[in-house]
Amino acid sequence: MEIKEPFVLYNDTDIVKAARCLKAMSHPLRLKILCVLGNNSVSVQDIVEQVGTSQSNISQHLSILREKNILGSKKEANRVYYFIDDERMLQLIKMMRDVFCSKN
């Protein structure tokens, strides 16, 4: 069996980014939004329907996730679509699903 060295974040910039992303994700509603998005671009209206809260509440949380550079957005006609703008975040969400979500 091969023994690997533990992975350590040495770069302070990486540590700060990781901490900011994890803090943003730590709110249950924001985590649910990220899980709803997955690999897709989803309109605000569809996020509201899938998450089950008000549009103003969703908009506040989307704003926080944008500020942390976790989400990107694009406007098409009168709709705004959000997507996860960081491949590392997609990997993290997949890993959390694998670890925490029950397989029905």
PDB file of N, CA and C in Angstrom:
ATOM      1  N   MET A   1       0.845  -1.181   0.000  1.00  0.00           N
ATOM      2  CA  MET A   1       0.000   0.000   0.000  1.00  0.00           C
ATOM      3  C   MET A   1       0.889   1.243   0.000  1.00  0.00           C
ATOM      4  N   GLU A   2       0.589   2.134  -0.894  1.00  0.00           N
ATOM      5  CA  GLU A   2       1.367   3.367  -1.024  1.00  0.00           C
ATOM      6  C   GLU A   2       0.917   4.385   0.019  1.00  0.00           C
ATOM      7  N   ILE A   3       1.886   4.999   0.683  1.00  0.00           N
ATOM      8  CA  ILE A   3       1.586   6.036   1.669  1.00  0.00           C
ATOM      9  C   ILE A   3       1.804   7.379   0.998  1.00  0.00           C
ATOM     10  N   LYS A   4       0.759   8.189   1.006  1.00  0.00           N
ATOM     11  CA  LYS A   4       0.828   9.511   0.384  1.00  0.00           C
ATOM     12  C   LYS A   4       0.972  10.570   1.453  1.00  0.00           C
ATOM     13  N   GLU A   5       1.679  11.634   1.089  1.00  0.00           N
ATOM     14  CA  GLU A   5       1.776  12.773   2.003  1.00  0.00           C
ATOM     15  C   GLU A   5       0.427  13.456   2.079  1.00  0.00           C
ATOM     16  N   PRO A   6       0.043  13.955   3.250  1.00  0.00           N
ATOM     17  CA  PRO A   6      -1.232  14.669   3.339  1.00  0.00           C
ATOM     18  C   PRO A   6      -1.171  15.949   2.523  1.00  0.00           C
ATOM     19  N   PHE A   7      -2.306  16.268   1.915  1.00  0.00           N
ATOM     20  CA  PHE A   7      -2.413  17.507   1.142  1.00  0.00           C
ATOM     21  C   PHE A   7      -2.590  18.670   2.108  1.00  0.00           C
ATOM     22  N   VAL A   8      -1.748  19.658   1.974  1.00  0.00           N
ATOM     23  CA  VAL A   8      -1.810  20.823   2.850  1.00  0.00           C
ATOM     24  C   VAL A   8      -1.875  22.078   1.989  1.00  0.00           C
ATOM     25  N   LEU A   9      -2.751  22.981   2.363  1.00  0.00           N
ATOM     26  CA  LEU A   9      -2.803  24.278   1.686  1.00  0.00           C
ATOM     27  C   LEU A   9      -1.682  25.148   2.250  1.00  0.00           C
ATOM     28  N   TYR A  10      -0.711  25.454   1.426  1.00  0.00           N
ATOM     29  CA  TYR A  10       0.405  26.272   1.880  1.00  0.00           C
ATOM     30  C   TYR A  10       0.241  27.737   1.509  1.00  0.00           C
ATOM     31  N   ASN A  11      -0.462  27.962   0.441  1.00  0.00           N
ATOM     32  CA  ASN A  11      -0.609  29.306  -0.081  1.00  0.00           C
ATOM     33  C   ASN A  11      -1.728  30.020   0.676  1.00  0.00           C
ATOM     34  N   ASP A  12      -1.399  31.143   1.303  1.00  0.00           N
ATOM     35  CA  ASP A  12      -2.395  31.887   2.079  1.00  0.00           C
ATOM     36  C   ASP A  12      -3.589  32.312   1.232  1.00  0.00           C
ATOM     37  N   THR A  13      -3.351  32.633  -0.018  1.00  0.00           N
ATOM     38  CA  THR A  13      -4.444  33.026  -0.903  1.00  0.00           C
ATOM     39  C   THR A  13      -5.432  31.872  -1.073  1.00  0.00           C
ATOM     40  N   ASP A  14      -4.905  30.663  -1.247  1.00  0.00           N
ATOM     41  CA  ASP A  14      -5.777  29.485  -1.378  1.00  0.00           C
ATOM     42  C   ASP A  14      -6.548  29.223  -0.093  1.00  0.00           C
ATOM     43  N   ILE A  15      -5.891  29.406   1.044  1.00  0.00           N
ATOM     44  CA  ILE A  15      -6.545  29.181   2.332  1.00  0.00           C
ATOM     45  C   ILE A  15      -7.695  30.168   2.524  1.00  0.00           C
ATOM     46  N   VAL A  16      -7.455  31.436   2.209  1.00  0.00           N
ATOM     47  CA  VAL A  16      -8.488  32.463   2.361  1.00  0.00           C
ATOM     48  C   VAL A  16      -9.654  32.176   1.417  1.00  0.00           C
ATOM     49  N   LYS A  17      -9.356  31.814   0.165  1.00  0.00           N
ATOM     50  CA  LYS A  17     -10.431  31.510  -0.794  1.00  0.00           C
ATOM     51  C   LYS A  17     -11.243  30.309  -0.319  1.00  0.00           C
ATOM     52  N   ALA A  18     -10.575  29.265   0.131  1.00  0.00           N
ATOM     53  CA  ALA A  18     -11.280  28.078   0.613  1.00  0.00           C
ATOM     54  C   ALA A  18     -12.176  28.422   1.796  1.00  0.00           C
ATOM     55  N   ALA A  19     -11.667  29.207   2.734  1.00  0.00           N
ATOM     56  CA  ALA A  19     -12.451  29.583   3.912  1.00  0.00           C
ATOM     57  C   ALA A  19     -13.669  30.419   3.513  1.00  0.00           C
ATOM     58  N   ARG A  20     -13.497  31.352   2.590  1.00  0.00           N
ATOM     59  CA  ARG A  20     -14.612  32.195   2.153  1.00  0.00           C
ATOM     60  C   ARG A  20     -15.685  31.370   1.445  1.00  0.00           C
ATOM     61  N   CYS A  21     -15.250  30.441   0.596  1.00  0.00           N
ATOM     62  CA  CYS A  21     -16.217  29.584  -0.103  1.00  0.00           C
ATOM     63  C   CYS A  21     -16.961  28.693   0.879  1.00  0.00           C
ATOM     64  N   LEU A  22     -16.241  28.084   1.803  1.00  0.00           N
ATOM     65  CA  LEU A  22     -16.893  27.197   2.772  1.00  0.00           C
ATOM     66  C   LEU A  22     -17.857  27.964   3.665  1.00  0.00           C
ATOM     67  N   LYS A  23     -17.480  29.188   4.029  1.00  0.00           N
ATOM     68  CA  LYS A  23     -18.375  30.007   4.851  1.00  0.00           C
ATOM     69  C   LYS A  23     -19.646  30.342   4.070  1.00  0.00           C
ATOM     70  N   ALA A  24     -19.491  30.699   2.801  1.00  0.00           N
ATOM     71  CA  ALA A  24     -20.661  31.018   1.976  1.00  0.00           C
ATOM     72  C   ALA A  24     -21.550  29.796   1.808  1.00  0.00           C
ATOM     73  N   MET A  25     -20.953  28.626   1.675  1.00  0.00           N
ATOM     74  CA  MET A  25     -21.716  27.397   1.477  1.00  0.00           C
ATOM     75  C   MET A  25     -22.347  26.887   2.763  1.00  0.00           C
ATOM     76  N   SER A  26     -21.904  27.366   3.898  1.00  0.00           N
ATOM     77  CA  SER A  26     -22.331  26.788   5.171  1.00  0.00           C
ATOM     78  C   SER A  26     -23.791  27.089   5.517  1.00  0.00           C
ATOM     79  N   HIS A  27     -24.400  28.058   4.876  1.00  0.00           N
ATOM     80  CA  HIS A  27     -25.812  28.345   5.117  1.00  0.00           C
ATOM     81  C   HIS A  27     -26.647  27.300   4.380  1.00  0.00           C
ATOM     82  N   PRO A  28     -27.592  26.660   5.057  1.00  0.00           N
ATOM     83  CA  PRO A  28     -28.376  25.590   4.411  1.00  0.00           C
ATOM     84  C   PRO A  28     -29.058  26.000   3.111  1.00  0.00           C
ATOM     85  N   LEU A  29     -29.597  27.204   3.042  1.00  0.00           N
ATOM     86  CA  LEU A  29     -30.286  27.638   1.830  1.00  0.00           C
ATOM     87  C   LEU A  29     -29.301  27.827   0.676  1.00  0.00           C
ATOM     88  N   ARG A  30     -28.137  28.407   0.963  1.00  0.00           N
ATOM     89  CA  ARG A  30     -27.138  28.590  -0.095  1.00  0.00           C
ATOM     90  C   ARG A  30     -26.620  27.238  -0.581  1.00  0.00           C
ATOM     91  N   LEU A  31     -26.436  26.309   0.330  1.00  0.00           N
ATOM     92  CA  LEU A  31     -25.996  24.975  -0.062  1.00  0.00           C
ATOM     93  C   LEU A  31     -27.055  24.303  -0.937  1.00  0.00           C
ATOM     94  N   LYS A  32     -28.309  24.493  -0.579  1.00  0.00           N
ATOM     95  CA  LYS A  32     -29.399  23.924  -1.381  1.00  0.00           C
ATOM     96  C   LYS A  32     -29.418  24.543  -2.775  1.00  0.00           C
ATOM     97  N   ILE A  33     -29.207  25.847  -2.865  1.00  0.00           N
ATOM     98  CA  ILE A  33     -29.144  26.531  -4.165  1.00  0.00           C
ATOM     99  C   ILE A  33     -28.026  25.923  -5.008  1.00  0.00           C
ATOM    100  N   LEU A  34     -26.856  25.729  -4.416  1.00  0.00           N
ATOM    101  CA  LEU A  34     -25.730  25.167  -5.154  1.00  0.00           C
ATOM    102  C   LEU A  34     -26.031  23.747  -5.627  1.00  0.00           C
ATOM    103  N   CYS A  35     -26.705  22.983  -4.798  1.00  0.00           N
ATOM    104  CA  CYS A  35     -27.084  21.626  -5.195  1.00  0.00           C
ATOM    105  C   CYS A  35     -28.103  21.643  -6.329  1.00  0.00           C
ATOM    106  N   VAL A  36     -29.031  22.602  -6.290  1.00  0.00           N
ATOM    107  CA  VAL A  36     -30.019  22.744  -7.370  1.00  0.00           C
ATOM    108  C   VAL A  36     -29.315  23.094  -8.683  1.00  0.00           C
ATOM    109  N   LEU A  37     -28.326  23.960  -8.611  1.00  0.00           N
ATOM    110  CA  LEU A  37     -27.623  24.387  -9.816  1.00  0.00           C
ATOM    111  C   LEU A  37     -26.801  23.249 -10.410  1.00  0.00           C
ATOM    112  N   GLY A  38     -26.010  22.584  -9.584  1.00  0.00           N
ATOM    113  CA  GLY A  38     -25.150  21.522 -10.111  1.00  0.00           C
ATOM    114  C   GLY A  38     -24.377  22.009 -11.317  1.00  0.00           C
ATOM    115  N   ASN A  39     -24.429  21.248 -12.399  1.00  0.00           N
ATOM    116  CA  ASN A  39     -23.721  21.603 -13.645  1.00  0.00           C
ATOM    117  C   ASN A  39     -24.546  22.472 -14.585  1.00  0.00           C
ATOM    118  N   ASN A  40     -25.715  22.923 -14.138  1.00  0.00           N
ATOM    119  CA  ASN A  40     -26.669  23.589 -15.027  1.00  0.00           C
ATOM    120  C   ASN A  40     -26.716  25.097 -14.824  1.00  0.00           C
ATOM    121  N   SER A  41     -27.228  25.787 -15.827  1.00  0.00           N
ATOM    122  CA  SER A  41     -27.623  27.185 -15.704  1.00  0.00           C
ATOM    123  C   SER A  41     -29.111  27.175 -15.407  1.00  0.00           C
ATOM    124  N   VAL A  42     -29.507  27.812 -14.318  1.00  0.00           N
ATOM    125  CA  VAL A  42     -30.893  27.747 -13.870  1.00  0.00           C
ATOM    126  C   VAL A  42     -31.400  29.171 -13.643  1.00  0.00           C
ATOM    127  N   SER A  43     -32.621  29.434 -14.106  1.00  0.00           N
ATOM    128  CA  SER A  43     -33.206  30.770 -13.925  1.00  0.00           C
ATOM    129  C   SER A  43     -33.577  30.987 -12.461  1.00  0.00           C
ATOM    130  N   VAL A  44     -33.653  32.241 -12.080  1.00  0.00           N
ATOM    131  CA  VAL A  44     -34.037  32.588 -10.710  1.00  0.00           C
ATOM    132  C   VAL A  44     -35.403  31.992 -10.394  1.00  0.00           C
ATOM    133  N   GLN A  45     -36.336  32.092 -11.334  1.00  0.00           N
ATOM    134  CA  GLN A  45     -37.678  31.566 -11.109  1.00  0.00           C
ATOM    135  C   GLN A  45     -37.642  30.063 -10.816  1.00  0.00           C
ATOM    136  N   ASP A  46     -36.825  29.331 -11.575  1.00  0.00           N
ATOM    137  CA  ASP A  46     -36.721  27.882 -11.365  1.00  0.00           C
ATOM    138  C   ASP A  46     -36.048  27.557 -10.032  1.00  0.00           C
ATOM    139  N   ILE A  47     -35.075  28.361  -9.638  1.00  0.00           N
ATOM    140  CA  ILE A  47     -34.426  28.169  -8.339  1.00  0.00           C
ATOM    141  C   ILE A  47     -35.450  28.363  -7.230  1.00  0.00           C
ATOM    142  N   VAL A  48     -36.261  29.432  -7.343  1.00  0.00           N
ATOM    143  CA  VAL A  48     -37.300  29.713  -6.347  1.00  0.00           C
ATOM    144  C   VAL A  48     -38.238  28.509  -6.221  1.00  0.00           C
ATOM    145  N   GLU A  49     -38.679  27.969  -7.362  1.00  0.00           N
ATOM    146  CA  GLU A  49     -39.601  26.831  -7.344  1.00  0.00           C
ATOM    147  C   GLU A  49     -38.975  25.595  -6.714  1.00  0.00           C
ATOM    148  N   GLN A  50     -37.717  25.331  -7.016  1.00  0.00           N
ATOM    149  CA  GLN A  50     -37.068  24.120  -6.517  1.00  0.00           C
ATOM    150  C   GLN A  50     -36.632  24.227  -5.060  1.00  0.00           C
ATOM    151  N   VAL A  51     -36.263  25.436  -4.635  1.00  0.00           N
ATOM    152  CA  VAL A  51     -35.786  25.614  -3.258  1.00  0.00           C
ATOM    153  C   VAL A  51     -36.957  25.841  -2.313  1.00  0.00           C
ATOM    154  N   GLY A  52     -37.999  26.536  -2.785  1.00  0.00           N
ATOM    155  CA  GLY A  52     -39.197  26.702  -1.978  1.00  0.00           C
ATOM    156  C   GLY A  52     -39.171  27.844  -0.999  1.00  0.00           C
ATOM    157  N   THR A  53     -38.692  28.983  -1.438  1.00  0.00           N
ATOM    158  CA  THR A  53     -38.746  30.195  -0.618  1.00  0.00           C
ATOM    159  C   THR A  53     -39.009  31.376  -1.543  1.00  0.00           C
ATOM    160  N   SER A  54     -39.058  32.576  -0.997  1.00  0.00           N
ATOM    161  CA  SER A  54     -39.405  33.752  -1.800  1.00  0.00           C
ATOM    162  C   SER A  54     -38.275  34.162  -2.748  1.00  0.00           C
ATOM    163  N   GLN A  55     -38.659  34.855  -3.806  1.00  0.00           N
ATOM    164  CA  GLN A  55     -37.668  35.332  -4.762  1.00  0.00           C
ATOM    165  C   GLN A  55     -36.707  36.320  -4.108  1.00  0.00           C
ATOM    166  N   SER A  56     -37.200  37.180  -3.225  1.00  0.00           N
ATOM    167  CA  SER A  56     -36.304  38.149  -2.579  1.00  0.00           C
ATOM    168  C   SER A  56     -35.273  37.430  -1.705  1.00  0.00           C
ATOM    169  N   ASN A  57     -35.691  36.376  -1.015  1.00  0.00           N
ATOM    170  CA  ASN A  57     -34.762  35.607  -0.191  1.00  0.00           C
ATOM    171  C   ASN A  57     -33.710  34.921  -1.063  1.00  0.00           C
ATOM    172  N   ILE A  58     -34.151  34.314  -2.147  1.00  0.00           N
ATOM    173  CA  ILE A  58     -33.215  33.663  -3.078  1.00  0.00           C
ATOM    174  C   ILE A  58     -32.242  34.688  -3.644  1.00  0.00           C
ATOM    175  N   SER A  59     -32.747  35.851  -4.022  1.00  0.00           N
ATOM    176  CA  SER A  59     -31.890  36.897  -4.599  1.00  0.00           C
ATOM    177  C   SER A  59     -30.798  37.342  -3.627  1.00  0.00           C
ATOM    178  N   GLN A  60     -31.130  37.446  -2.358  1.00  0.00           N
ATOM    179  CA  GLN A  60     -30.126  37.813  -1.347  1.00  0.00           C
ATOM    180  C   GLN A  60     -29.018  36.772  -1.287  1.00  0.00           C
ATOM    181  N   HIS A  61     -29.399  35.511  -1.292  1.00  0.00           N
ATOM    182  CA  HIS A  61     -28.404  34.441  -1.200  1.00  0.00           C
ATOM    183  C   HIS A  61     -27.595  34.305  -2.491  1.00  0.00           C
ATOM    184  N   LEU A  62     -28.233  34.518  -3.632  1.00  0.00           N
ATOM    185  CA  LEU A  62     -27.501  34.511  -4.895  1.00  0.00           C
ATOM    186  C   LEU A  62     -26.465  35.625  -4.918  1.00  0.00           C
ATOM    187  N   SER A  63     -26.825  36.774  -4.379  1.00  0.00           N
ATOM    188  CA  SER A  63     -25.905  37.905  -4.309  1.00  0.00           C
ATOM    189  C   SER A  63     -24.664  37.557  -3.483  1.00  0.00           C
ATOM    190  N   ILE A  64     -24.860  36.899  -2.371  1.00  0.00           N
ATOM    191  CA  ILE A  64     -23.731  36.494  -1.520  1.00  0.00           C
ATOM    192  C   ILE A  64     -22.831  35.518  -2.271  1.00  0.00           C
ATOM    193  N   LEU A  65     -23.424  34.554  -2.944  1.00  0.00           N
ATOM    194  CA  LEU A  65     -22.631  33.573  -3.688  1.00  0.00           C
ATOM    195  C   LEU A  65     -21.893  34.216  -4.862  1.00  0.00           C
ATOM    196  N   ARG A  66     -22.485  35.238  -5.481  1.00  0.00           N
ATOM    197  CA  ARG A  66     -21.791  35.980  -6.551  1.00  0.00           C
ATOM    198  C   ARG A  66     -20.623  36.762  -5.986  1.00  0.00           C
ATOM    199  N   GLU A  67     -20.837  37.420  -4.836  1.00  0.00           N
ATOM    200  CA  GLU A  67     -19.772  38.215  -4.210  1.00  0.00           C
ATOM    201  C   GLU A  67     -18.550  37.367  -3.882  1.00  0.00           C
ATOM    202  N   LYS A  68     -18.764  36.103  -3.568  1.00  0.00           N
ATOM    203  CA  LYS A  68     -17.663  35.193  -3.223  1.00  0.00           C
ATOM    204  C   LYS A  68     -17.077  34.522  -4.464  1.00  0.00           C
ATOM    205  N   ASN A  69     -17.521  34.970  -5.649  1.00  0.00           N
ATOM    206  CA  ASN A  69     -17.051  34.436  -6.932  1.00  0.00           C
ATOM    207  C   ASN A  69     -17.326  32.948  -7.097  1.00  0.00           C
ATOM    208  N   ILE A  70     -18.431  32.502  -6.513  1.00  0.00           N
ATOM    209  CA  ILE A  70     -18.824  31.107  -6.661  1.00  0.00           C
ATOM    210  C   ILE A  70     -19.766  30.952  -7.849  1.00  0.00           C
ATOM    211  N   LEU A  71     -20.601  31.958  -8.067  1.00  0.00           N
ATOM    212  CA  LEU A  71     -21.587  31.910  -9.151  1.00  0.00           C
ATOM    213  C   LEU A  71     -21.289  32.912 -10.240  1.00  0.00           C
ATOM    214  N   GLY A  72     -21.677  32.533 -11.432  1.00  0.00           N
ATOM    215  CA  GLY A  72     -21.716  33.453 -12.547  1.00  0.00           C
ATOM    216  C   GLY A  72     -23.167  33.585 -12.972  1.00  0.00           C
ATOM    217  N   SER A  73     -23.452  34.578 -13.804  1.00  0.00           N
ATOM    218  CA  SER A  73     -24.825  34.750 -14.275  1.00  0.00           C
ATOM    219  C   SER A  73     -24.814  35.242 -15.713  1.00  0.00           C
ATOM    220  N   LYS A  74     -25.930  34.989 -16.377  1.00  0.00           N
ATOM    221  CA  LYS A  74     -26.118  35.501 -17.733  1.00  0.00           C
ATOM    222  C   LYS A  74     -27.578  35.873 -17.881  1.00  0.00           C
ATOM    223  N   LYS A  75     -27.817  36.909 -18.657  1.00  0.00           N
ATOM    224  CA  LYS A  75     -29.193  37.379 -18.864  1.00  0.00           C
ATOM    225  C   LYS A  75     -29.615  37.010 -20.280  1.00  0.00           C
ATOM    226  N   GLU A  76     -30.776  36.405 -20.365  1.00  0.00           N
ATOM    227  CA  GLU A  76     -31.379  36.087 -21.662  1.00  0.00           C
ATOM    228  C   GLU A  76     -32.807  36.611 -21.637  1.00  0.00           C
ATOM    229  N   ALA A  77     -33.072  37.543 -22.520  1.00  0.00           N
ATOM    230  CA  ALA A  77     -34.378  38.219 -22.567  1.00  0.00           C
ATOM    231  C   ALA A  77     -34.666  38.810 -21.187  1.00  0.00           C
ATOM    232  N   ASN A  78     -35.747  38.401 -20.545  1.00  0.00           N
ATOM    233  CA  ASN A  78     -36.082  38.987 -19.248  1.00  0.00           C
ATOM    234  C   ASN A  78     -35.757  38.036 -18.090  1.00  0.00           C
ATOM    235  N   ARG A  79     -34.954  37.006 -18.348  1.00  0.00           N
ATOM    236  CA  ARG A  79     -34.586  36.048 -17.301  1.00  0.00           C
ATOM    237  C   ARG A  79     -33.089  36.100 -17.026  1.00  0.00           C
ATOM    238  N   VAL A  80     -32.740  35.892 -15.758  1.00  0.00           N
ATOM    239  CA  VAL A  80     -31.347  35.781 -15.362  1.00  0.00           C
ATOM    240  C   VAL A  80     -31.097  34.334 -14.971  1.00  0.00           C
ATOM    241  N   TYR A  81     -30.035  33.766 -15.537  1.00  0.00           N
ATOM    242  CA  TYR A  81     -29.650  32.384 -15.253  1.00  0.00           C
ATOM    243  C   TYR A  81     -28.359  32.393 -14.448  1.00  0.00           C
ATOM    244  N   TYR A  82     -28.310  31.528 -13.441  1.00  0.00           N
ATOM    245  CA  TYR A  82     -27.128  31.410 -12.596  1.00  0.00           C
ATOM    246  C   TYR A  82     -26.491  30.046 -12.800  1.00  0.00           C
ATOM    247  N   PHE A  83     -25.177  30.017 -12.651  1.00  0.00           N
ATOM    248  CA  PHE A  83     -24.428  28.775 -12.790  1.00  0.00           C
ATOM    249  C   PHE A  83     -23.211  28.842 -11.872  1.00  0.00           C
ATOM    250  N   ILE A  84     -22.721  27.685 -11.506  1.00  0.00           N
ATOM    251  CA  ILE A  84     -21.515  27.618 -10.683  1.00  0.00           C
ATOM    252  C   ILE A  84     -20.337  27.891 -11.597  1.00  0.00           C
ATOM    253  N   ASP A  85     -19.562  28.897 -11.245  1.00  0.00           N
ATOM    254  CA  ASP A  85     -18.517  29.419 -12.116  1.00  0.00           C
ATOM    255  C   ASP A  85     -17.126  28.933 -11.720  1.00  0.00           C
ATOM    256  N   ASP A  86     -17.034  27.838 -10.986  1.00  0.00           N
ATOM    257  CA  ASP A  86     -15.745  27.360 -10.502  1.00  0.00           C
ATOM    258  C   ASP A  86     -15.781  25.830 -10.479  1.00  0.00           C
ATOM    259  N   GLU A  87     -14.968  25.213 -11.302  1.00  0.00           N
ATOM    260  CA  GLU A  87     -14.942  23.758 -11.407  1.00  0.00           C
ATOM    261  C   GLU A  87     -14.657  23.096 -10.057  1.00  0.00           C
ATOM    262  N   ARG A  88     -13.854  23.740  -9.233  1.00  0.00           N
ATOM    263  CA  ARG A  88     -13.545  23.178  -7.907  1.00  0.00           C
ATOM    264  C   ARG A  88     -14.794  23.111  -7.039  1.00  0.00           C
ATOM    265  N   MET A  89     -15.670  24.095  -7.178  1.00  0.00           N
ATOM    266  CA  MET A  89     -16.925  24.077  -6.421  1.00  0.00           C
ATOM    267  C   MET A  89     -17.809  22.922  -6.883  1.00  0.00           C
ATOM    268  N   LEU A  90     -17.828  22.669  -8.179  1.00  0.00           N
ATOM    269  CA  LEU A  90     -18.610  21.541  -8.693  1.00  0.00           C
ATOM    270  C   LEU A  90     -18.082  20.222  -8.126  1.00  0.00           C
ATOM    271  N   GLN A  91     -16.769  20.100  -8.053  1.00  0.00           N
ATOM    272  CA  GLN A  91     -16.174  18.890  -7.477  1.00  0.00           C
ATOM    273  C   GLN A  91     -16.537  18.758  -6.006  1.00  0.00           C
ATOM    274  N   LEU A  92     -16.499  19.858  -5.288  1.00  0.00           N
ATOM    275  CA  LEU A  92     -16.819  19.842  -3.860  1.00  0.00           C
ATOM    276  C   LEU A  92     -18.281  19.454  -3.626  1.00  0.00           C
ATOM    277  N   ILE A  93     -19.183  20.013  -4.417  1.00  0.00           N
ATOM    278  CA  ILE A  93     -20.602  19.690  -4.274  1.00  0.00           C
ATOM    279  C   ILE A  93     -20.847  18.218  -4.599  1.00  0.00           C
ATOM    280  N   LYS A  94     -20.193  17.710  -5.646  1.00  0.00           N
ATOM    281  CA  LYS A  94     -20.339  16.288  -5.974  1.00  0.00           C
ATOM    282  C   LYS A  94     -19.852  15.428  -4.813  1.00  0.00           C
ATOM    283  N   MET A  95     -18.731  15.789  -4.233  1.00  0.00           N
ATOM    284  CA  MET A  95     -18.201  15.015  -3.116  1.00  0.00           C
ATOM    285  C   MET A  95     -19.152  15.055  -1.919  1.00  0.00           C
ATOM    286  N   MET A  96     -19.725  16.230  -1.635  1.00  0.00           N
ATOM    287  CA  MET A  96     -20.667  16.338  -0.514  1.00  0.00           C
ATOM    288  C   MET A  96     -21.910  15.496  -0.776  1.00  0.00           C
ATOM    289  N   ARG A  97     -22.400  15.494  -2.017  1.00  0.00           N
ATOM    290  CA  ARG A  97     -23.552  14.652  -2.362  1.00  0.00           C
ATOM    291  C   ARG A  97     -23.218  13.186  -2.108  1.00  0.00           C
ATOM    292  N   ASP A  98     -22.021  12.764  -2.560  1.00  0.00           N
ATOM    293  CA  ASP A  98     -21.610  11.367  -2.393  1.00  0.00           C
ATOM    294  C   ASP A  98     -21.508  10.983  -0.915  1.00  0.00           C
ATOM    295  N   VAL A  99     -21.033  11.915  -0.096  1.00  0.00           N
ATOM    296  CA  VAL A  99     -20.822  11.615   1.329  1.00  0.00           C
ATOM    297  C   VAL A  99     -22.098  11.748   2.147  1.00  0.00           C
ATOM    298  N   PHE A 100     -22.882  12.814   1.906  1.00  0.00           N
ATOM    299  CA  PHE A 100     -23.985  13.136   2.783  1.00  0.00           C
ATOM    300  C   PHE A 100     -25.380  12.779   2.290  1.00  0.00           C
ATOM    301  N   CYS A 101     -25.567  12.681   0.987  1.00  0.00           N
ATOM    302  CA  CYS A 101     -26.921  12.469   0.455  1.00  0.00           C
ATOM    303  C   CYS A 101     -27.229  10.981   0.384  1.00  0.00           C
ATOM    304  N   SER A 102     -28.410  10.657   0.865  1.00  0.00           N
ATOM    305  CA  SER A 102     -28.818   9.252   0.836  1.00  0.00           C
ATOM    306  C   SER A 102     -29.093   8.834  -0.589  1.00  0.00           C
ATOM    307  N   LYS A 103     -28.801   7.597  -0.867  1.00  0.00           N
ATOM    308  CA  LYS A 103     -29.049   7.052  -2.196  1.00  0.00           C
ATOM    309  C   LYS A 103     -30.358   6.300  -2.153  1.00  0.00           C
ATOM    310  N   ASN A 104     -31.372   6.866  -2.766  1.00  0.00           N
ATOM    311  CA  ASN A 104     -32.716   6.251  -2.751  1.00  0.00           C
ATOM    312  C   ASN A 104     -32.881   5.246  -3.842  1.00  0.00           C
TER     313      ASN A 104
END
